[in-house]
Full PDB file with SEQRES, HELIX, SHEET, SSBOND, CRYST1, ORIGX, SCALE, CONECT and MASTER records, all heavy atoms in Angstrom:
SEQRES   1 A   41  ARG LEU SER CYS VAL ALA SER ASP HIS SER ALA SER ILE          
SEQRES   2 A   41  ALA THR MET GLY TRP TYR ARG GLN ALA PRO GLY LYS GLN          
SEQRES   3 A   41  ARG GLU LEU VAL ALA SER ALA THR SER GLY ASN ALA LYS          
SEQRES   4 A   41  ASN TYR                                                      
HELIX    1 AA1 HIS A    9  ILE A   13  5                                   5    
SHEET    1 AA1 3 MET A  16  ARG A  20  0                                        
SHEET    2 AA1 3 GLU A  28  ALA A  33 -1                                        
SHEET    3 AA1 3 LYS A  39  ASN A  40 -1                                        
CRYST1    1.000    1.000    1.000  90.00  90.00  90.00 P 1           1          
ORIGX1      1.000000  0.000000  0.000000        0.00000                         
ORIGX2      0.000000  1.000000  0.000000        0.00000                         
ORIGX3      0.000000  0.000000  1.000000        0.00000                         
SCALE1      1.000000  0.000000  0.000000        0.00000                         
SCALE2      0.000000  1.000000  0.000000        0.00000                         
SCALE3      0.000000  0.000000  1.000000        0.00000                         
ATOM      1  N   ARG A   1       5.955   1.418 -13.306  1.00  0.00           N  
ATOM      2  CA  ARG A   1       4.670   1.078 -12.703  1.00  0.00           C  
ATOM      3  C   ARG A   1       4.801  -0.220 -11.918  1.00  0.00           C  
ATOM      4  O   ARG A   1       5.191  -1.245 -12.477  1.00  0.00           O  
ATOM      5  CB  ARG A   1       3.581   0.926 -13.769  1.00  0.00           C  
ATOM      6  CG  ARG A   1       2.172   0.784 -13.192  1.00  0.00           C  
ATOM      7  CD  ARG A   1       1.123   0.683 -14.296  1.00  0.00           C  
ATOM      8  NE  ARG A   1      -0.237   0.703 -13.769  1.00  0.00           N  
ATOM      9  CZ  ARG A   1      -0.978   1.795 -13.633  1.00  0.00           C  
ATOM     10  NH1 ARG A   1      -0.503   2.977 -14.007  1.00  0.00           N  
ATOM     11  NH2 ARG A   1      -2.207   1.707 -13.136  1.00  0.00           N  
ATOM     12  N   LEU A   2       4.473  -0.162 -10.634  1.00  0.00           N  
ATOM     13  CA  LEU A   2       4.479  -1.326  -9.773  1.00  0.00           C  
ATOM     14  C   LEU A   2       3.064  -1.865  -9.618  1.00  0.00           C  
ATOM     15  O   LEU A   2       2.101  -1.096  -9.548  1.00  0.00           O  
ATOM     16  CB  LEU A   2       5.040  -0.989  -8.390  1.00  0.00           C  
ATOM     17  CG  LEU A   2       6.415  -0.329  -8.331  1.00  0.00           C  
ATOM     18  CD1 LEU A   2       6.821  -0.106  -6.880  1.00  0.00           C  
ATOM     19  CD2 LEU A   2       7.450  -1.173  -9.052  1.00  0.00           C  
ATOM     20  N   SER A   3       2.954  -3.181  -9.531  1.00  0.00           N  
ATOM     21  CA  SER A   3       1.660  -3.819  -9.348  1.00  0.00           C  
ATOM     22  C   SER A   3       1.726  -4.801  -8.196  1.00  0.00           C  
ATOM     23  O   SER A   3       2.764  -5.410  -7.940  1.00  0.00           O  
ATOM     24  CB  SER A   3       1.224  -4.551 -10.619  1.00  0.00           C  
ATOM     25  OG  SER A   3       1.034  -3.650 -11.690  1.00  0.00           O  
ATOM     26  N   CYS A   4       0.607  -4.963  -7.514  1.00  0.00           N  
ATOM     27  CA  CYS A   4       0.506  -5.900  -6.407  1.00  0.00           C  
ATOM     28  C   CYS A   4      -0.845  -6.589  -6.479  1.00  0.00           C  
ATOM     29  O   CYS A   4      -1.873  -5.921  -6.653  1.00  0.00           O  
ATOM     30  CB  CYS A   4       0.664  -5.182  -5.070  1.00  0.00           C  
ATOM     31  SG  CYS A   4       0.397  -6.211  -3.609  1.00  0.00           S  
ATOM     32  N   VAL A   5      -0.835  -7.906  -6.333  1.00  0.00           N  
ATOM     33  CA  VAL A   5      -2.056  -8.702  -6.367  1.00  0.00           C  
ATOM     34  C   VAL A   5      -2.218  -9.424  -5.040  1.00  0.00           C  
ATOM     35  O   VAL A   5      -1.285 -10.085  -4.576  1.00  0.00           O  
ATOM     36  CB  VAL A   5      -2.035  -9.720  -7.517  1.00  0.00           C  
ATOM     37  CG1 VAL A   5      -3.330 -10.518  -7.535  1.00  0.00           C  
ATOM     38  CG2 VAL A   5      -1.831  -9.017  -8.842  1.00  0.00           C  
ATOM     39  N   ALA A   6      -3.385  -9.305  -4.437  1.00  0.00           N  
ATOM     40  CA  ALA A   6      -3.711 -10.011  -3.204  1.00  0.00           C  
ATOM     41  C   ALA A   6      -4.412 -11.318  -3.517  1.00  0.00           C  
ATOM     42  O   ALA A   6      -5.176 -11.416  -4.480  1.00  0.00           O  
ATOM     43  CB  ALA A   6      -4.590  -9.148  -2.302  1.00  0.00           C  
ATOM     44  N   SER A   7      -4.169 -12.312  -2.684  1.00  0.00           N  
ATOM     45  CA  SER A   7      -4.706 -13.647  -2.931  1.00  0.00           C  
ATOM     46  C   SER A   7      -6.139 -13.824  -2.462  1.00  0.00           C  
ATOM     47  O   SER A   7      -6.759 -14.845  -2.763  1.00  0.00           O  
ATOM     48  CB  SER A   7      -3.827 -14.694  -2.249  1.00  0.00           C  
ATOM     49  OG  SER A   7      -3.853 -14.535  -0.839  1.00  0.00           O  
ATOM     50  N   ASP A   8      -6.683 -12.859  -1.735  1.00  0.00           N  
ATOM     51  CA  ASP A   8      -8.000 -12.980  -1.128  1.00  0.00           C  
ATOM     52  C   ASP A   8      -8.856 -11.783  -1.505  1.00  0.00           C  
ATOM     53  O   ASP A   8      -8.429 -10.633  -1.356  1.00  0.00           O  
ATOM     54  CB  ASP A   8      -7.867 -13.086   0.398  1.00  0.00           C  
ATOM     55  CG  ASP A   8      -9.120 -13.603   1.086  1.00  0.00           C  
ATOM     56  OD1 ASP A   8     -10.229 -13.276   0.632  1.00  0.00           O  
ATOM     57  OD2 ASP A   8      -8.988 -14.330   2.092  1.00  0.00           O  
ATOM     58  N   HIS A   9     -10.078 -12.054  -1.958  1.00  0.00           N  
ATOM     59  CA  HIS A   9     -10.965 -10.967  -2.352  1.00  0.00           C  
ATOM     60  C   HIS A   9     -11.370 -10.086  -1.172  1.00  0.00           C  
ATOM     61  O   HIS A   9     -11.798  -8.946  -1.382  1.00  0.00           O  
ATOM     62  CB  HIS A   9     -12.211 -11.514  -3.043  1.00  0.00           C  
ATOM     63  CG  HIS A   9     -13.108 -10.444  -3.576  1.00  0.00           C  
ATOM     64  ND1 HIS A   9     -12.697  -9.547  -4.537  1.00  0.00           N  
ATOM     65  CD2 HIS A   9     -14.394 -10.117  -3.281  1.00  0.00           C  
ATOM     66  CE1 HIS A   9     -13.693  -8.710  -4.816  1.00  0.00           C  
ATOM     67  NE2 HIS A   9     -14.730  -9.038  -4.069  1.00  0.00           N  
ATOM     68  N   SER A  10     -11.242 -10.584   0.056  1.00  0.00           N  
ATOM     69  CA  SER A  10     -11.543  -9.765   1.223  1.00  0.00           C  
ATOM     70  C   SER A  10     -10.606  -8.573   1.343  1.00  0.00           C  
ATOM     71  O   SER A  10     -10.830  -7.689   2.169  1.00  0.00           O  
ATOM     72  CB  SER A  10     -11.496 -10.602   2.504  1.00  0.00           C  
ATOM     73  OG  SER A  10     -10.197 -11.143   2.716  1.00  0.00           O  
ATOM     74  N   ALA A  11      -9.564  -8.548   0.530  1.00  0.00           N  
ATOM     75  CA  ALA A  11      -8.685  -7.393   0.481  1.00  0.00           C  
ATOM     76  C   ALA A  11      -9.435  -6.107   0.180  1.00  0.00           C  
ATOM     77  O   ALA A  11      -8.972  -5.017   0.514  1.00  0.00           O  
ATOM     78  CB  ALA A  11      -7.587  -7.614  -0.554  1.00  0.00           C  
ATOM     79  N   SER A  12     -10.591  -6.212  -0.434  1.00  0.00           N  
ATOM     80  CA  SER A  12     -11.364  -5.036  -0.805  1.00  0.00           C  
ATOM     81  C   SER A  12     -11.827  -4.223   0.394  1.00  0.00           C  
ATOM     82  O   SER A  12     -12.130  -3.033   0.245  1.00  0.00           O  
ATOM     83  CB  SER A  12     -12.574  -5.435  -1.660  1.00  0.00           C  
ATOM     84  OG  SER A  12     -13.454  -6.267  -0.927  1.00  0.00           O  
ATOM     85  N   ILE A  13     -11.903  -4.812   1.575  1.00  0.00           N  
ATOM     86  CA  ILE A  13     -12.341  -4.086   2.767  1.00  0.00           C  
ATOM     87  C   ILE A  13     -11.171  -3.443   3.503  1.00  0.00           C  
ATOM     88  O   ILE A  13     -11.388  -2.757   4.510  1.00  0.00           O  
ATOM     89  CB  ILE A  13     -13.119  -4.997   3.738  1.00  0.00           C  
ATOM     90  CG1 ILE A  13     -12.191  -6.007   4.427  1.00  0.00           C  
ATOM     91  CG2 ILE A  13     -14.259  -5.697   3.012  1.00  0.00           C  
ATOM     92  CD1 ILE A  13     -12.858  -6.783   5.539  1.00  0.00           C  
ATOM     93  N   ALA A  14      -9.973  -3.663   3.023  1.00  0.00           N  
ATOM     94  CA  ALA A  14      -8.772  -3.228   3.724  1.00  0.00           C  
ATOM     95  C   ALA A  14      -8.114  -2.047   3.023  1.00  0.00           C  
ATOM     96  O   ALA A  14      -8.393  -1.740   1.861  1.00  0.00           O  
ATOM     97  CB  ALA A  14      -7.777  -4.379   3.824  1.00  0.00           C  
ATOM     98  N   THR A  15      -7.230  -1.395   3.756  1.00  0.00           N  
ATOM     99  CA  THR A  15      -6.352  -0.403   3.168  1.00  0.00           C  
ATOM    100  C   THR A  15      -5.162  -1.111   2.520  1.00  0.00           C  
ATOM    101  O   THR A  15      -4.565  -1.997   3.120  1.00  0.00           O  
ATOM    102  CB  THR A  15      -5.850   0.584   4.237  1.00  0.00           C  
ATOM    103  OG1 THR A  15      -6.959   1.324   4.751  1.00  0.00           O  
ATOM    104  CG2 THR A  15      -4.830   1.553   3.658  1.00  0.00           C  
ATOM    105  N   MET A  16      -4.837  -0.728   1.311  1.00  0.00           N  
ATOM    106  CA  MET A  16      -3.666  -1.250   0.629  1.00  0.00           C  
ATOM    107  C   MET A  16      -2.747  -0.090   0.277  1.00  0.00           C  
ATOM    108  O   MET A  16      -3.210   1.024   0.018  1.00  0.00           O  
ATOM    109  CB  MET A  16      -4.034  -2.028  -0.628  1.00  0.00           C  
ATOM    110  CG  MET A  16      -4.832  -3.288  -0.358  1.00  0.00           C  
ATOM    111  SD  MET A  16      -5.080  -4.319  -1.829  1.00  0.00           S  
ATOM    112  CE  MET A  16      -3.415  -4.974  -2.062  1.00  0.00           C  
ATOM    113  N   GLY A  17      -1.464  -0.368   0.275  1.00  0.00           N  
ATOM    114  CA  GLY A  17      -0.530   0.695  -0.024  1.00  0.00           C  
ATOM    115  C   GLY A  17       0.854   0.183  -0.329  1.00  0.00           C  
ATOM    116  O   GLY A  17       1.099  -1.023  -0.394  1.00  0.00           O  
ATOM    117  N   TRP A  18       1.736   1.143  -0.524  1.00  0.00           N  
ATOM    118  CA  TRP A  18       3.127   0.868  -0.837  1.00  0.00           C  
ATOM    119  C   TRP A  18       4.037   1.558   0.161  1.00  0.00           C  
ATOM    120  O   TRP A  18       3.844   2.735   0.487  1.00  0.00           O  
ATOM    121  CB  TRP A  18       3.466   1.352  -2.250  1.00  0.00           C  
ATOM    122  CG  TRP A  18       2.791   0.563  -3.331  1.00  0.00           C  
ATOM    123  CD1 TRP A  18       1.595   0.821  -3.917  1.00  0.00           C  
ATOM    124  CD2 TRP A  18       3.302  -0.623  -3.950  1.00  0.00           C  
ATOM    125  NE1 TRP A  18       1.310  -0.128  -4.863  1.00  0.00           N  
ATOM    126  CE2 TRP A  18       2.343  -1.031  -4.903  1.00  0.00           C  
ATOM    127  CE3 TRP A  18       4.456  -1.378  -3.793  1.00  0.00           C  
ATOM    128  CZ2 TRP A  18       2.518  -2.161  -5.700  1.00  0.00           C  
ATOM    129  CZ3 TRP A  18       4.635  -2.502  -4.578  1.00  0.00           C  
ATOM    130  CH2 TRP A  18       3.671  -2.877  -5.517  1.00  0.00           C  
ATOM    131  N   TYR A  19       5.012   0.817   0.633  1.00  0.00           N  
ATOM    132  CA  TYR A  19       6.076   1.333   1.477  1.00  0.00           C  
ATOM    133  C   TYR A  19       7.399   1.101   0.768  1.00  0.00           C  
ATOM    134  O   TYR A  19       7.492   0.281  -0.144  1.00  0.00           O  
ATOM    135  CB  TYR A  19       6.094   0.628   2.833  1.00  0.00           C  
ATOM    136  CG  TYR A  19       4.922   0.950   3.736  1.00  0.00           C  
ATOM    137  CD1 TYR A  19       3.641   0.478   3.451  1.00  0.00           C  
ATOM    138  CD2 TYR A  19       5.102   1.714   4.887  1.00  0.00           C  
ATOM    139  CE1 TYR A  19       2.572   0.767   4.276  1.00  0.00           C  
ATOM    140  CE2 TYR A  19       4.033   2.003   5.727  1.00  0.00           C  
ATOM    141  CZ  TYR A  19       2.780   1.525   5.413  1.00  0.00           C  
ATOM    142  OH  TYR A  19       1.728   1.812   6.250  1.00  0.00           O  
ATOM    143  N   ARG A  20       8.424   1.807   1.200  1.00  0.00           N  
ATOM    144  CA  ARG A  20       9.740   1.581   0.634  1.00  0.00           C  
ATOM    145  C   ARG A  20      10.796   1.689   1.721  1.00  0.00           C  
ATOM    146  O   ARG A  20      10.613   2.366   2.729  1.00  0.00           O  
ATOM    147  CB  ARG A  20      10.045   2.556  -0.502  1.00  0.00           C  
ATOM    148  CG  ARG A  20      10.191   4.016  -0.075  1.00  0.00           C  
ATOM    149  CD  ARG A  20      10.346   4.910  -1.300  1.00  0.00           C  
ATOM    150  NE  ARG A  20      10.517   6.309  -0.937  1.00  0.00           N  
ATOM    151  CZ  ARG A  20      10.522   7.312  -1.806  1.00  0.00           C  
ATOM    152  NH1 ARG A  20      10.365   7.063  -3.105  1.00  0.00           N  
ATOM    153  NH2 ARG A  20      10.688   8.561  -1.386  1.00  0.00           N  
ATOM    154  N   GLN A  21      11.906   1.018   1.487  1.00  0.00           N  
ATOM    155  CA  GLN A  21      13.016   1.041   2.418  1.00  0.00           C  
ATOM    156  C   GLN A  21      14.320   1.075   1.637  1.00  0.00           C  
ATOM    157  O   GLN A  21      14.610   0.158   0.862  1.00  0.00           O  
ATOM    158  CB  GLN A  21      12.992  -0.166   3.353  1.00  0.00           C  
ATOM    159  CG  GLN A  21      14.031  -0.098   4.449  1.00  0.00           C  
ATOM    160  CD  GLN A  21      13.791  -1.137   5.534  1.00  0.00           C  
ATOM    161  OE1 GLN A  21      13.157  -2.162   5.303  1.00  0.00           O  
ATOM    162  NE2 GLN A  21      14.301  -0.867   6.723  1.00  0.00           N  
ATOM    163  N   ALA A  22      15.074   2.129   1.839  1.00  0.00           N  
ATOM    164  CA  ALA A  22      16.389   2.264   1.237  1.00  0.00           C  
ATOM    165  C   ALA A  22      17.438   1.765   2.223  1.00  0.00           C  
ATOM    166  O   ALA A  22      17.214   1.753   3.433  1.00  0.00           O  
ATOM    167  CB  ALA A  22      16.656   3.722   0.866  1.00  0.00           C  
ATOM    168  N   PRO A  23      18.610   1.353   1.722  1.00  0.00           N  
ATOM    169  CA  PRO A  23      19.662   0.873   2.624  1.00  0.00           C  
ATOM    170  C   PRO A  23      20.008   1.899   3.699  1.00  0.00           C  
ATOM    171  O   PRO A  23      20.223   3.077   3.405  1.00  0.00           O  
ATOM    172  CB  PRO A  23      20.841   0.636   1.681  1.00  0.00           C  
ATOM    173  CG  PRO A  23      20.212   0.360   0.359  1.00  0.00           C  
ATOM    174  CD  PRO A  23      19.007   1.251   0.312  1.00  0.00           C  
ATOM    175  N   GLY A  24      20.028   1.454   4.941  1.00  0.00           N  
ATOM    176  CA  GLY A  24      20.370   2.322   6.049  1.00  0.00           C  
ATOM    177  C   GLY A  24      19.274   3.267   6.486  1.00  0.00           C  
ATOM    178  O   GLY A  24      19.509   4.107   7.364  1.00  0.00           O  
ATOM    179  N   LYS A  25      18.086   3.152   5.910  1.00  0.00           N  
ATOM    180  CA  LYS A  25      16.987   4.042   6.247  1.00  0.00           C  
ATOM    181  C   LYS A  25      15.782   3.255   6.754  1.00  0.00           C  
ATOM    182  O   LYS A  25      15.646   2.060   6.503  1.00  0.00           O  
ATOM    183  CB  LYS A  25      16.589   4.892   5.044  1.00  0.00           C  
ATOM    184  CG  LYS A  25      17.670   5.850   4.565  1.00  0.00           C  
ATOM    185  CD  LYS A  25      17.176   6.714   3.426  1.00  0.00           C  
ATOM    186  CE  LYS A  25      18.237   7.690   2.971  1.00  0.00           C  
ATOM    187  NZ  LYS A  25      17.764   8.542   1.854  1.00  0.00           N  
ATOM    188  N   GLN A  26      14.904   3.953   7.456  1.00  0.00           N  
ATOM    189  CA  GLN A  26      13.694   3.356   7.988  1.00  0.00           C  
ATOM    190  C   GLN A  26      12.661   3.165   6.878  1.00  0.00           C  
ATOM    191  O   GLN A  26      12.577   3.970   5.951  1.00  0.00           O  
ATOM    192  CB  GLN A  26      13.139   4.242   9.097  1.00  0.00           C  
ATOM    193  CG  GLN A  26      11.993   3.650   9.885  1.00  0.00           C  
ATOM    194  CD  GLN A  26      11.593   4.532  11.056  1.00  0.00           C  
ATOM    195  OE1 GLN A  26      12.170   5.589  11.278  1.00  0.00           O  
ATOM    196  NE2 GLN A  26      10.597   4.093  11.807  1.00  0.00           N  
ATOM    197  N   ARG A  27      11.887   2.101   6.988  1.00  0.00           N  
ATOM    198  CA  ARG A  27      10.809   1.897   6.041  1.00  0.00           C  
ATOM    199  C   ARG A  27       9.777   3.017   6.182  1.00  0.00           C  
ATOM    200  O   ARG A  27       9.398   3.397   7.291  1.00  0.00           O  
ATOM    201  CB  ARG A  27      10.144   0.539   6.269  1.00  0.00           C  
ATOM    202  CG  ARG A  27       9.082   0.193   5.240  1.00  0.00           C  
ATOM    203  CD  ARG A  27       8.535  -1.217   5.431  1.00  0.00           C  
ATOM    204  NE  ARG A  27       9.575  -2.232   5.279  1.00  0.00           N  
ATOM    205  CZ  ARG A  27       9.340  -3.536   5.261  1.00  0.00           C  
ATOM    206  NH1 ARG A  27       8.103  -4.001   5.367  1.00  0.00           N  
ATOM    207  NH2 ARG A  27      10.357  -4.388   5.138  1.00  0.00           N  
ATOM    208  N   GLU A  28       9.321   3.535   5.057  1.00  0.00           N  
ATOM    209  CA  GLU A  28       8.398   4.656   5.070  1.00  0.00           C  
ATOM    210  C   GLU A  28       7.216   4.413   4.150  1.00  0.00           C  
ATOM    211  O   GLU A  28       7.326   3.721   3.132  1.00  0.00           O  
ATOM    212  CB  GLU A  28       9.112   5.951   4.642  1.00  0.00           C  
ATOM    213  CG  GLU A  28       9.629   5.927   3.211  1.00  0.00           C  
ATOM    214  CD  GLU A  28      10.217   7.248   2.756  1.00  0.00           C  
ATOM    215  OE1 GLU A  28      10.045   8.256   3.459  1.00  0.00           O  
ATOM    216  OE2 GLU A  28      10.862   7.271   1.687  1.00  0.00           O  
ATOM    217  N   LEU A  29       6.098   5.010   4.517  1.00  0.00           N  
ATOM    218  CA  LEU A  29       4.909   4.957   3.671  1.00  0.00           C  
ATOM    219  C   LEU A  29       5.123   5.811   2.439  1.00  0.00           C  
ATOM    220  O   LEU A  29       5.541   6.964   2.532  1.00  0.00           O  
ATOM    221  CB  LEU A  29       3.686   5.451   4.438  1.00  0.00           C  
ATOM    222  CG  LEU A  29       2.402   5.596   3.619  1.00  0.00           C  
ATOM    223  CD1 LEU A  29       1.874   4.230   3.209  1.00  0.00           C  
ATOM    224  CD2 LEU A  29       1.346   6.366   4.404  1.00  0.00           C  
ATOM    225  N   VAL A  30       4.816   5.253   1.281  1.00  0.00           N  
ATOM    226  CA  VAL A  30       4.863   5.991   0.030  1.00  0.00           C  
ATOM    227  C   VAL A  30       3.473   6.479  -0.346  1.00  0.00           C  
ATOM    228  O   VAL A  30       3.258   7.664  -0.609  1.00  0.00           O  
ATOM    229  CB  VAL A  30       5.451   5.134  -1.102  1.00  0.00           C  
ATOM    230  CG1 VAL A  30       5.456   5.909  -2.422  1.00  0.00           C  
ATOM    231  CG2 VAL A  30       6.858   4.667  -0.748  1.00  0.00           C  
ATOM    232  N   ALA A  31       2.519   5.563  -0.382  1.00  0.00           N  
ATOM    233  CA  ALA A  31       1.146   5.899  -0.734  1.00  0.00           C  
ATOM    234  C   ALA A  31       0.227   4.798  -0.253  1.00  0.00           C  
ATOM    235  O   ALA A  31       0.628   3.632  -0.170  1.00  0.00           O  
ATOM    236  CB  ALA A  31       0.989   6.090  -2.248  1.00  0.00           C  
ATOM    237  N   SER A  32      -1.007   5.159   0.058  1.00  0.00           N  
ATOM    238  CA  SER A  32      -1.994   4.177   0.479  1.00  0.00           C  
ATOM    239  C   SER A  32      -3.367   4.580  -0.026  1.00  0.00           C  
ATOM    240  O   SER A  32      -3.616   5.747  -0.341  1.00  0.00           O  
ATOM    241  CB  SER A  32      -2.009   4.018   2.000  1.00  0.00           C  
ATOM    242  OG  SER A  32      -2.407   5.217   2.634  1.00  0.00           O  
ATOM    243  N   ALA A  33      -4.253   3.600  -0.087  1.00  0.00           N  
ATOM    244  CA  ALA A  33      -5.630   3.827  -0.500  1.00  0.00           C  
ATOM    245  C   ALA A  33      -6.539   2.947   0.339  1.00  0.00           C  
ATOM    246  O   ALA A  33      -6.316   1.735   0.444  1.00  0.00           O  
ATOM    247  CB  ALA A  33      -5.817   3.529  -1.989  1.00  0.00           C  
ATOM    248  N   THR A  34      -7.568   3.546   0.935  1.00  0.00           N  
ATOM    249  CA  THR A  34      -8.497   2.806   1.778  1.00  0.00           C  
ATOM    250  C   THR A  34      -9.501   2.044   0.936  1.00  0.00           C  
ATOM    251  O   THR A  34      -9.534   2.144  -0.292  1.00  0.00           O  
ATOM    252  CB  THR A  34      -9.239   3.752   2.726  1.00  0.00           C  
ATOM    253  OG1 THR A  34     -10.133   4.576   1.961  1.00  0.00           O  
ATOM    254  CG2 THR A  34      -8.281   4.637   3.498  1.00  0.00           C  
ATOM    255  N   SER A  35     -10.354   1.285   1.621  1.00  0.00           N  
ATOM    256  CA  SER A  35     -11.423   0.570   0.933  1.00  0.00           C  
ATOM    257  C   SER A  35     -12.393   1.521   0.249  1.00  0.00           C  
ATOM    258  O   SER A  35     -13.057   1.134  -0.709  1.00  0.00           O  
ATOM    259  CB  SER A  35     -12.177  -0.327   1.910  1.00  0.00           C  
ATOM    260  OG  SER A  35     -12.779   0.435   2.943  1.00  0.00           O  
ATOM    261  N   GLY A  36     -12.481   2.747   0.740  1.00  0.00           N  
ATOM    262  CA  GLY A  36     -13.300   3.776   0.123  1.00  0.00           C  
ATOM    263  C   GLY A  36     -12.537   4.647  -0.850  1.00  0.00           C  
ATOM    264  O   GLY A  36     -13.064   5.663  -1.313  1.00  0.00           O  
ATOM    265  N   ASN A  37     -11.293   4.284  -1.149  1.00  0.00           N  
ATOM    266  CA  ASN A  37     -10.439   4.947  -2.127  1.00  0.00           C  
ATOM    267  C   ASN A  37      -9.962   6.321  -1.665  1.00  0.00           C  
ATOM    268  O   ASN A  37      -9.601   7.166  -2.493  1.00  0.00           O  
ATOM    269  CB  ASN A  37     -11.127   5.064  -3.487  1.00  0.00           C  
ATOM    270  CG  ASN A  37     -10.136   5.095  -4.633  1.00  0.00           C  
ATOM    271  OD1 ASN A  37      -9.064   4.499  -4.551  1.00  0.00           O  
ATOM    272  ND2 ASN A  37     -10.493   5.787  -5.704  1.00  0.00           N  
ATOM    273  N   ALA A  38      -9.928   6.547  -0.356  1.00  0.00           N  
ATOM    274  CA  ALA A  38      -9.255   7.723   0.168  1.00  0.00           C  
ATOM    275  C   ALA A  38      -7.753   7.485   0.093  1.00  0.00           C  
ATOM    276  O   ALA A  38      -7.260   6.443   0.526  1.00  0.00           O  
ATOM    277  CB  ALA A  38      -9.682   7.996   1.601  1.00  0.00           C  
ATOM    278  N   LYS A  39      -7.014   8.461  -0.430  1.00  0.00           N  
ATOM    279  CA  LYS A  39      -5.600   8.262  -0.717  1.00  0.00           C  
ATOM    280  C   LYS A  39      -4.716   9.162   0.127  1.00  0.00           C  
ATOM    281  O   LYS A  39      -5.084  10.279   0.476  1.00  0.00           O  
ATOM    282  CB  LYS A  39      -5.335   8.511  -2.200  1.00  0.00           C  
ATOM    283  CG  LYS A  39      -6.105   7.560  -3.109  1.00  0.00           C  
ATOM    284  CD  LYS A  39      -5.890   7.879  -4.572  1.00  0.00           C  
ATOM    285  CE  LYS A  39      -6.681   6.931  -5.456  1.00  0.00           C  
ATOM    286  NZ  LYS A  39      -6.494   7.238  -6.895  1.00  0.00           N  
ATOM    287  N   ASN A  40      -3.551   8.640   0.419  1.00  0.00           N  
ATOM    288  CA  ASN A  40      -2.558   9.364   1.193  1.00  0.00           C  
ATOM    289  C   ASN A  40      -1.197   9.168   0.544  1.00  0.00           C  
ATOM    290  O   ASN A  40      -0.848   8.051   0.168  1.00  0.00           O  
ATOM    291  CB  ASN A  40      -2.537   8.865   2.640  1.00  0.00           C  
ATOM    292  CG  ASN A  40      -1.653   9.686   3.534  1.00  0.00           C  
ATOM    293  OD1 ASN A  40      -1.561  10.898   3.382  1.00  0.00           O  
ATOM    294  ND2 ASN A  40      -1.004   9.032   4.491  1.00  0.00           N  
ATOM    295  N   TYR A  41      -0.429  10.253   0.429  1.00  0.00           N  
ATOM    296  CA  TYR A  41       0.887  10.208  -0.194  1.00  0.00           C  
ATOM    297  C   TYR A  41       1.924  10.844   0.708  1.00  0.00           C  
ATOM    298  O   TYR A  41       1.647  11.817   1.414  1.00  0.00           O  
ATOM    299  CB  TYR A  41       0.906  10.967  -1.524  1.00  0.00           C  
ATOM    300  CG  TYR A  41       0.050  10.379  -2.615  1.00  0.00           C  
ATOM    301  CD1 TYR A  41      -1.253  10.808  -2.806  1.00  0.00           C  
ATOM    302  CD2 TYR A  41       0.560   9.411  -3.470  1.00  0.00           C  
ATOM    303  CE1 TYR A  41      -2.040  10.275  -3.820  1.00  0.00           C  
ATOM    304  CE2 TYR A  41      -0.214   8.875  -4.489  1.00  0.00           C  
ATOM    305  CZ  TYR A  41      -1.510   9.315  -4.658  1.00  0.00           C  
ATOM    306  OH  TYR A  41      -2.286   8.788  -5.670  1.00  0.00           O  
TER     307      TYR A  41                                                      
MASTER        0    0    0    1    3    0    0    6  306    1    0    4          
END                                                                             
């Protein structure tokens, strides 16, 4: 389980998500969630 904490409460209006990058590969979106909790994987 990975966790991420933002320093500003205004983060609540933004989309937050996780990306990953393996050696020799392009960074890719893993998952995201909007301010309205719409999710993408």
